[in-house]
Protein backbone atom coordinates (compact mmCIF):
# COMPACT_ATOMS: atom_id res chain seq x y z
CA UNK A 1 -2.47 18.15 15.40
CA UNK A 2 0.65 20.24 15.97
CA UNK A 3 3.54 19.97 13.51
CA UNK A 4 6.64 21.97 14.44
CA UNK A 5 7.47 24.03 11.32
CA UNK A 6 11.23 24.10 11.87
CA UNK A 7 11.46 20.34 12.44
CA UNK A 8 9.30 19.74 9.37
CA UNK A 9 11.41 22.06 7.20
CA UNK A 10 14.60 20.38 8.40
CA UNK A 11 13.27 16.95 7.44
CA UNK A 12 12.33 18.20 3.99
CA UNK A 13 15.75 19.73 3.42
CA UNK A 14 17.81 16.91 4.92
CA UNK A 15 16.23 14.22 2.79
CA UNK A 16 15.92 16.18 -0.46
CA UNK A 17 12.24 15.30 -0.23
CA UNK A 18 10.34 15.25 -3.49
CA UNK A 19 6.60 14.73 -3.35
CA UNK A 20 3.41 15.92 -1.67
CA UNK A 21 2.45 16.29 2.00
CA UNK A 22 -1.13 17.00 3.09
CA UNK A 23 -3.23 17.03 6.22
CA UNK A 24 -7.00 16.89 5.73
CA UNK A 25 -9.43 17.22 8.64
CA UNK A 26 -12.99 16.44 7.64
CA UNK A 27 -13.74 18.81 4.78
CA UNK A 28 -10.77 21.14 5.48
CA UNK A 29 -7.19 20.92 4.28
CA UNK A 30 -4.95 22.25 7.04
CA UNK A 31 -1.53 21.56 5.50
CA UNK A 32 -0.37 21.33 1.91
CA UNK A 33 3.24 21.14 0.76
CA UNK A 34 4.78 20.27 -2.62
CA UNK A 35 8.52 19.77 -3.08
CA UNK A 36 10.80 18.75 -5.91
CA UNK A 37 9.79 17.68 -9.38
CA UNK A 38 7.12 15.59 -11.01
CA UNK A 39 9.48 15.17 -13.97
CA UNK A 40 13.08 16.12 -13.16
CA UNK A 41 14.52 16.08 -16.66
CA UNK A 42 11.79 18.43 -17.87
CA UNK A 43 11.94 20.66 -14.80
CA UNK A 44 8.22 20.03 -14.20
CA UNK A 45 7.53 20.96 -10.57
CA UNK A 46 5.55 18.81 -8.19
CA UNK A 47 1.89 19.79 -7.85
CA UNK A 48 -0.57 18.83 -5.13
CA UNK A 49 -2.85 16.84 -7.44
CA UNK A 50 -0.01 14.83 -9.01
CA UNK A 51 -0.69 11.12 -9.26
CA UNK A 52 2.08 9.36 -7.33
CA UNK A 53 2.79 5.65 -6.91
CA UNK A 54 2.23 4.29 -3.39
CA UNK A 55 3.99 0.89 -3.68
CA UNK A 56 2.65 -1.54 -1.04
CA UNK A 57 0.12 1.02 0.14
CA UNK A 58 -2.21 -0.37 -2.49
CA UNK A 59 -2.29 -3.82 -0.89
CA UNK A 60 -5.38 -2.43 0.86
CA UNK A 61 -7.11 -2.27 -2.53
CA UNK A 62 -6.38 -5.97 -3.07
CA UNK A 63 -7.69 -6.84 0.38
CA UNK A 64 -10.86 -4.84 -0.21
CA UNK A 65 -11.50 -6.49 -3.59
CA UNK A 66 -11.16 -9.89 -1.92
CA UNK A 67 -13.54 -8.89 0.88
CA UNK A 68 -16.10 -7.69 -1.66
CA UNK A 69 -15.89 -11.08 -3.35
CA UNK A 70 -16.30 -12.73 0.05
CA UNK A 71 -19.39 -10.64 0.72
CA UNK A 72 -20.75 -11.59 -2.71
CA UNK A 73 -20.23 -15.30 -1.96
CA UNK A 74 -17.58 -15.83 -4.64
CA UNK A 75 -14.86 -16.53 -2.05
CA UNK A 76 -14.65 -17.53 1.63
CA UNK A 77 -12.08 -16.36 4.16
CA UNK A 78 -11.61 -19.96 5.33
CA UNK A 79 -11.34 -21.27 1.76
CA UNK A 80 -8.13 -23.18 0.98
CA UNK A 81 -6.33 -21.42 -1.84
CA UNK A 82 -5.61 -24.81 -3.38
CA UNK A 83 -9.29 -24.89 -4.46
CA UNK A 84 -8.50 -22.24 -7.07
CA UNK A 85 -4.78 -22.81 -7.65
CA UNK A 86 -5.19 -26.43 -8.68
CA UNK A 87 -1.75 -27.71 -9.66
CA UNK A 88 -0.14 -24.27 -9.74
CA UNK A 89 2.33 -23.24 -7.01
CA UNK A 90 2.58 -26.76 -5.52
CA UNK A 91 4.93 -25.63 -2.72
CA UNK A 92 2.10 -23.68 -1.07
CA UNK A 93 0.76 -25.73 1.84
CA UNK A 94 -2.72 -27.15 1.16
CA UNK A 95 -3.89 -25.70 4.50
CA UNK A 96 -3.23 -22.07 3.45
CA UNK A 97 -6.49 -20.10 3.32
CA UNK A 98 -7.46 -16.77 1.85
CA UNK A 99 -7.52 -15.29 5.35
CA UNK A 100 -3.93 -16.46 5.92
CA UNK A 101 -2.85 -14.59 2.80
CA UNK A 102 -4.75 -11.45 3.76
CA UNK A 103 -3.21 -11.35 7.24
CA UNK A 104 0.39 -12.25 6.25
CA UNK A 105 0.21 -15.49 8.25
CA UNK A 106 0.33 -17.99 5.37
CA UNK A 107 3.98 -18.92 5.86
CA UNK A 108 4.50 -19.23 2.10
CA UNK A 109 7.85 -18.44 0.53
CA UNK A 110 8.03 -14.90 -0.84
CA UNK A 111 9.14 -14.10 -4.38
CA UNK A 112 10.16 -10.65 -3.12
CA UNK A 113 11.45 -11.45 0.36
CA UNK A 114 12.01 -8.23 2.28
CA UNK A 115 14.42 -9.98 4.65
CA UNK A 116 16.70 -11.04 1.80
CA UNK A 117 19.98 -9.33 0.92
CA UNK A 118 18.94 -6.85 -1.77
CA UNK A 119 18.71 -3.08 -2.12
CA UNK A 120 15.79 -1.06 -3.38
CA UNK A 121 17.92 0.04 -6.34
CA UNK A 122 18.61 -3.57 -7.43
CA UNK A 123 16.97 -5.11 -10.49
CA UNK A 124 15.09 -7.91 -8.75
CA UNK A 125 12.55 -9.04 -11.35
CA UNK A 126 13.27 -12.42 -12.93
CA UNK A 127 10.86 -11.82 -15.82
CA UNK A 128 10.87 -8.91 -18.29
CA UNK A 129 8.98 -6.06 -16.66
CA UNK A 130 6.89 -5.38 -19.77
CA UNK A 131 5.31 -8.86 -19.61
CA UNK A 132 3.84 -8.36 -16.12
CA UNK A 133 0.47 -6.94 -17.14
CA UNK A 134 -1.82 -9.43 -15.35
CA UNK A 135 -1.63 -11.33 -12.10
CA UNK A 136 -1.36 -14.70 -13.81
CA UNK A 137 1.74 -13.44 -15.66
CA UNK A 138 3.53 -13.43 -12.27
CA UNK A 139 3.07 -17.19 -11.75
CA UNK A 140 6.59 -18.15 -12.95
CA UNK A 141 8.09 -15.75 -10.38
CA UNK A 142 5.84 -17.13 -7.63
CA UNK A 143 6.96 -20.72 -8.30
CA UNK A 144 9.75 -22.50 -6.45
CA UNK A 145 9.61 -20.81 -3.02
CA UNK A 146 9.46 -23.27 -0.13
CA UNK A 147 6.90 -22.91 2.64
CA UNK A 148 8.66 -21.10 5.54
CA UNK A 149 6.39 -22.09 8.43
CA UNK A 150 3.01 -23.67 9.12
CA UNK A 151 -0.03 -21.62 8.06
CA UNK A 152 -1.31 -19.46 10.90
CA UNK A 153 1.80 -19.87 13.05
CA UNK A 154 2.87 -16.20 13.01
CA UNK A 155 2.88 -12.88 11.14
CA UNK A 156 5.48 -12.43 8.39
CA UNK A 157 4.99 -9.72 5.80
CA UNK A 158 4.65 -11.37 2.40
CA UNK A 159 4.44 -9.70 -0.99
CA UNK A 160 3.95 -13.05 -2.67
CA UNK A 161 0.82 -13.72 -0.64
CA UNK A 162 -0.87 -10.67 -2.11
CA UNK A 163 0.18 -11.68 -5.61
CA UNK A 164 -1.45 -15.08 -5.00
CA UNK A 165 -4.60 -13.22 -3.94
CA UNK A 166 -4.50 -11.29 -7.22
CA UNK A 167 -4.26 -14.57 -9.13
CA UNK A 168 -7.28 -15.90 -7.21
CA UNK A 169 -9.23 -12.72 -8.01
CA UNK A 170 -8.59 -13.24 -11.71
CA UNK A 171 -9.57 -16.90 -11.56
CA UNK A 172 -12.83 -16.44 -9.67
CA UNK A 173 -14.00 -13.44 -11.73
CA UNK A 174 -12.61 -14.14 -15.20
CA UNK A 175 -11.46 -10.50 -15.31
CA UNK A 176 -8.05 -8.91 -14.92
CA UNK A 177 -7.02 -7.98 -11.39
CA UNK A 178 -6.96 -4.30 -12.40
CA UNK A 179 -10.52 -4.29 -13.76
CA UNK A 180 -11.86 -6.00 -10.64
CA UNK A 181 -10.21 -3.46 -8.32
CA UNK A 182 -11.52 -0.59 -10.45
CA UNK A 183 -15.04 -2.02 -10.34
CA UNK A 184 -15.18 -3.09 -6.70
CA UNK A 185 -12.97 -0.49 -4.98
CA UNK A 186 -12.14 2.62 -7.00
CA UNK A 187 -15.61 3.25 -8.45
CA UNK A 188 -17.69 2.88 -5.26
CA UNK A 189 -15.15 4.97 -3.33
CA UNK A 190 -15.20 7.74 -5.96
CA UNK A 191 -11.44 7.54 -6.57
CA UNK A 192 -11.38 9.22 -9.96
CA UNK A 193 -7.62 9.88 -9.98
CA UNK A 194 -6.52 6.47 -8.66
CA UNK A 195 -5.44 3.76 -11.10
CA UNK A 196 -2.74 1.34 -12.19
CA UNK A 197 -0.69 3.37 -14.67
CA UNK A 198 1.85 1.85 -17.10
CA UNK A 199 5.34 2.93 -16.06
CA UNK A 200 6.48 3.15 -19.68
CA UNK A 201 3.57 5.44 -20.66
CA UNK A 202 2.82 7.72 -17.72
CA UNK A 203 0.31 10.53 -18.32
CA UNK A 204 1.34 14.14 -17.86
CA UNK A 205 -0.25 14.41 -14.40
CA UNK A 206 1.70 11.45 -13.00
CA UNK A 207 4.96 11.78 -11.10
CA UNK A 208 7.90 9.79 -12.39
CA UNK A 209 9.47 7.54 -9.75
CA UNK A 210 13.18 8.22 -9.13
CA UNK A 211 15.49 5.58 -7.72
CA UNK A 212 17.76 8.08 -5.98
CA UNK A 213 17.28 11.43 -4.26
CA UNK A 214 19.27 13.10 -7.04
CA UNK A 215 19.70 12.36 -10.73
CA UNK A 216 17.30 11.23 -13.43
CA UNK A 217 17.38 7.42 -13.03
CA UNK A 218 13.75 6.31 -13.14
CA UNK A 219 12.26 3.06 -11.86
CA UNK A 220 10.81 1.75 -15.13
CA UNK A 221 13.04 -1.35 -15.26
CA UNK A 222 12.97 -1.99 -11.50
CA UNK A 223 9.24 -2.69 -11.24
CA UNK A 224 6.44 -4.44 -13.17
CA UNK A 225 5.13 -2.25 -15.96
CA UNK A 226 1.76 -2.28 -14.17
CA UNK A 227 1.31 -2.46 -10.43
CA UNK A 228 -0.54 -5.52 -9.24
CA UNK A 229 -1.81 -7.28 -6.13
CA UNK A 230 1.18 -6.51 -3.95
CA UNK A 231 1.35 -2.81 -4.80
CA UNK A 232 2.03 -0.13 -7.37
CA UNK A 233 -1.18 1.85 -7.83
CA UNK A 234 -0.98 5.61 -8.42
CA UNK A 235 -3.15 8.01 -6.44
CA UNK A 236 -3.38 11.59 -5.18
CA UNK A 237 -3.45 13.15 -1.75
CA UNK A 238 -7.11 14.11 -2.22
CA UNK A 239 -8.10 10.59 -3.29
CA UNK A 240 -6.39 9.14 -0.23
CA UNK A 241 -8.55 11.23 2.10
CA UNK A 242 -11.58 10.30 -0.01
CA UNK A 243 -10.60 6.64 0.23
CA UNK A 244 -10.37 6.63 4.03
CA UNK A 245 -13.77 8.27 4.41
CA UNK A 246 -15.37 5.90 1.89
CA UNK A 247 -13.84 2.82 3.50
CA UNK A 248 -14.81 3.73 7.05
CA UNK A 249 -18.22 4.93 5.84
CA UNK A 250 -19.05 1.46 4.52
CA UNK A 251 -19.12 2.49 0.86
CA UNK A 252 -16.63 -0.16 -0.31
CA UNK A 253 -17.35 -3.08 2.02
CA UNK A 254 -19.95 -3.50 4.74
CA UNK A 255 -19.44 -2.07 8.25
CA UNK A 256 -18.96 -5.63 9.49
CA UNK A 257 -16.12 -6.16 7.04
CA UNK A 258 -14.60 -2.79 7.99
CA UNK A 259 -14.56 -3.95 11.61
CA UNK A 260 -13.00 -7.29 10.68
CA UNK A 261 -10.29 -5.69 8.54
CA UNK A 262 -9.32 -3.08 11.14
CA UNK A 263 -9.28 -5.41 14.14
CA UNK A 264 -5.77 -5.59 15.65
CA UNK A 265 -4.39 -9.07 15.02
CA UNK A 266 -0.60 -8.86 15.37
CA UNK A 267 2.09 -6.60 16.73
CA UNK A 268 4.69 -5.61 14.12
CA UNK A 269 7.52 -4.19 16.25
CA UNK A 270 9.89 -3.66 13.32
CA UNK A 271 7.38 -1.13 11.94
CA UNK A 272 6.25 0.15 15.36
CA UNK A 273 2.71 -0.70 14.25
CA UNK A 274 0.03 -3.35 14.59
CA UNK A 275 -1.50 -5.31 11.70
CA UNK A 276 -5.09 -5.88 10.74
CA UNK A 277 -6.24 -7.36 7.44
CA UNK A 278 -4.83 -5.37 4.54
CA UNK A 279 -4.10 -2.44 6.85
CA UNK A 280 -1.59 -1.46 9.50
CA UNK A 281 -2.83 0.14 12.71
CA UNK A 282 -1.21 2.71 14.97
CA UNK A 283 0.60 0.93 17.79
CA UNK A 284 -1.71 2.30 20.51
CA UNK A 285 -4.37 4.66 19.19
CA UNK A 286 -7.42 4.55 16.89
CA UNK A 287 -5.66 5.27 13.60
CA UNK A 288 -5.13 3.28 10.40
CA UNK A 289 -1.98 3.28 8.29
CA UNK A 290 -1.03 2.50 4.70
CA UNK A 291 2.68 2.37 3.88
CA UNK A 292 4.78 1.68 0.83
CA UNK A 293 8.46 1.53 -0.11
CA UNK A 294 9.88 0.62 -3.47
CA UNK A 295 12.21 1.88 -6.17
CA UNK A 296 10.91 5.38 -6.80
CA UNK A 297 8.25 5.37 -4.06
CA UNK A 298 8.22 6.22 -0.35
CA UNK A 299 4.76 6.61 1.13
CA UNK A 300 2.61 6.67 4.23
CA UNK A 301 -0.99 7.73 4.81
CA UNK A 302 -2.42 7.71 8.32
CA UNK A 303 -6.08 8.26 9.15
CA UNK A 304 -7.06 9.26 12.69
CA UNK A 305 -10.57 7.89 12.95
CA UNK A 306 -12.04 10.07 15.69
CA UNK A 307 -11.24 13.39 14.03
CA UNK A 308 -11.52 12.21 10.39
CA UNK A 309 -7.93 13.40 9.88
CA UNK A 310 -5.76 12.09 7.04
CA UNK A 311 -2.01 12.71 7.09
CA UNK A 312 -0.38 11.69 3.80
CA UNK A 313 3.18 11.78 2.50
CA UNK A 314 3.58 10.71 -1.12
CA UNK A 315 7.22 10.65 -2.21
CA UNK A 316 8.42 9.93 -5.74
CA UNK A 317 11.91 8.82 -4.74
CA UNK A 318 12.96 5.66 -2.92
CA UNK A 319 14.20 7.22 0.31
CA UNK A 320 13.29 10.91 0.35
CA UNK A 321 9.98 10.72 2.23
CA UNK A 322 11.10 8.80 5.30
CA UNK A 323 12.46 11.70 7.40
CA UNK A 324 9.27 13.64 6.67
CA UNK A 325 7.14 10.60 7.51
CA UNK A 326 9.05 10.33 10.79
CA UNK A 327 8.31 13.92 11.81
CA UNK A 328 4.61 13.53 11.05
CA UNK A 329 4.48 10.17 12.83
CA UNK A 330 5.76 11.93 15.95
CA UNK A 331 3.01 14.53 15.66
CA UNK A 332 0.41 11.78 15.24
CA UNK A 333 1.75 9.96 18.29
CA UNK A 334 1.39 13.14 20.33
CA UNK A 335 -2.14 13.65 19.02
CA UNK A 336 -3.15 10.12 20.00
CA UNK A 337 -1.40 10.09 23.38
CA UNK A 338 -3.86 9.80 26.26
CA UNK A 339 -4.45 13.05 28.10
CA UNK A 340 -4.07 13.58 31.83
CA UNK A 341 -6.56 11.81 34.03
CA UNK A 342 -9.25 14.28 35.21
CA UNK A 343 -8.62 15.30 38.81
CA UNK A 344 -5.10 13.87 38.80
């Protein structure tokens, strides 16, 4: 994959990018770049093995935990969520299934509606952030949102749907969402550096999330103290490559489930991508995409299946990574573009 150095450098400089960029091909790392600071106020520079939050990129972990539970017989894709919700969240249509939630086709009202009039720097939580340590703790925020359309009618990205999935995970297992994901996803994939880290007690190897490209305003009060079903895990560039290889190698869920989760289901023109189940897909080629955007996080990891290539941009500011992501997306598009027809 060819990345023009001058275009790449310009994107880094223009956006005041802070974070990590890597390209891994099989067992070789072909590009590694660290910019900015892990901790600005302390002058601690970014390092390649820093643990950085990936916002909605970790929805894939939720989807995989659910699929493991489906494979184990604890859940069914066609199971109505009402079976486990009981009287909670009564505005969710009784016809909504687990598969609807996984594929963003449930039509439920979203507690964090991305089409609403709010900015990433706004304080959007309606509960104290320090209380949001389990999925069930989110239930008051998930209440009161009217169904937007009939289940299965169309694709509409929904954070609330993945929080409902996290609640169902806790109910069917009797464990916290975080412990289930560690047991069913992180451990079998060998993701030793990936975890849900408390924002008010980050370890020294974790990158603080910054709301703006400059200044020291951190995201501690903008987000739940612990990431949950709709996003917020911390990971490293190396663990992301490890994750893709483990997932596609059938070490987290079965090959049949891998095929089901990566099957193109919907076009998502606003993202210039397609959607599977818990994953985005490149709009034309055989590549999978995780993406996240939140206060203090701007992230994309793309895995080109045929060449076992992982291209990851982990930014620890809200906006800084997007120009860099754009340059690398162009390089990926060129890599996946069909070549000339032989003999033409």
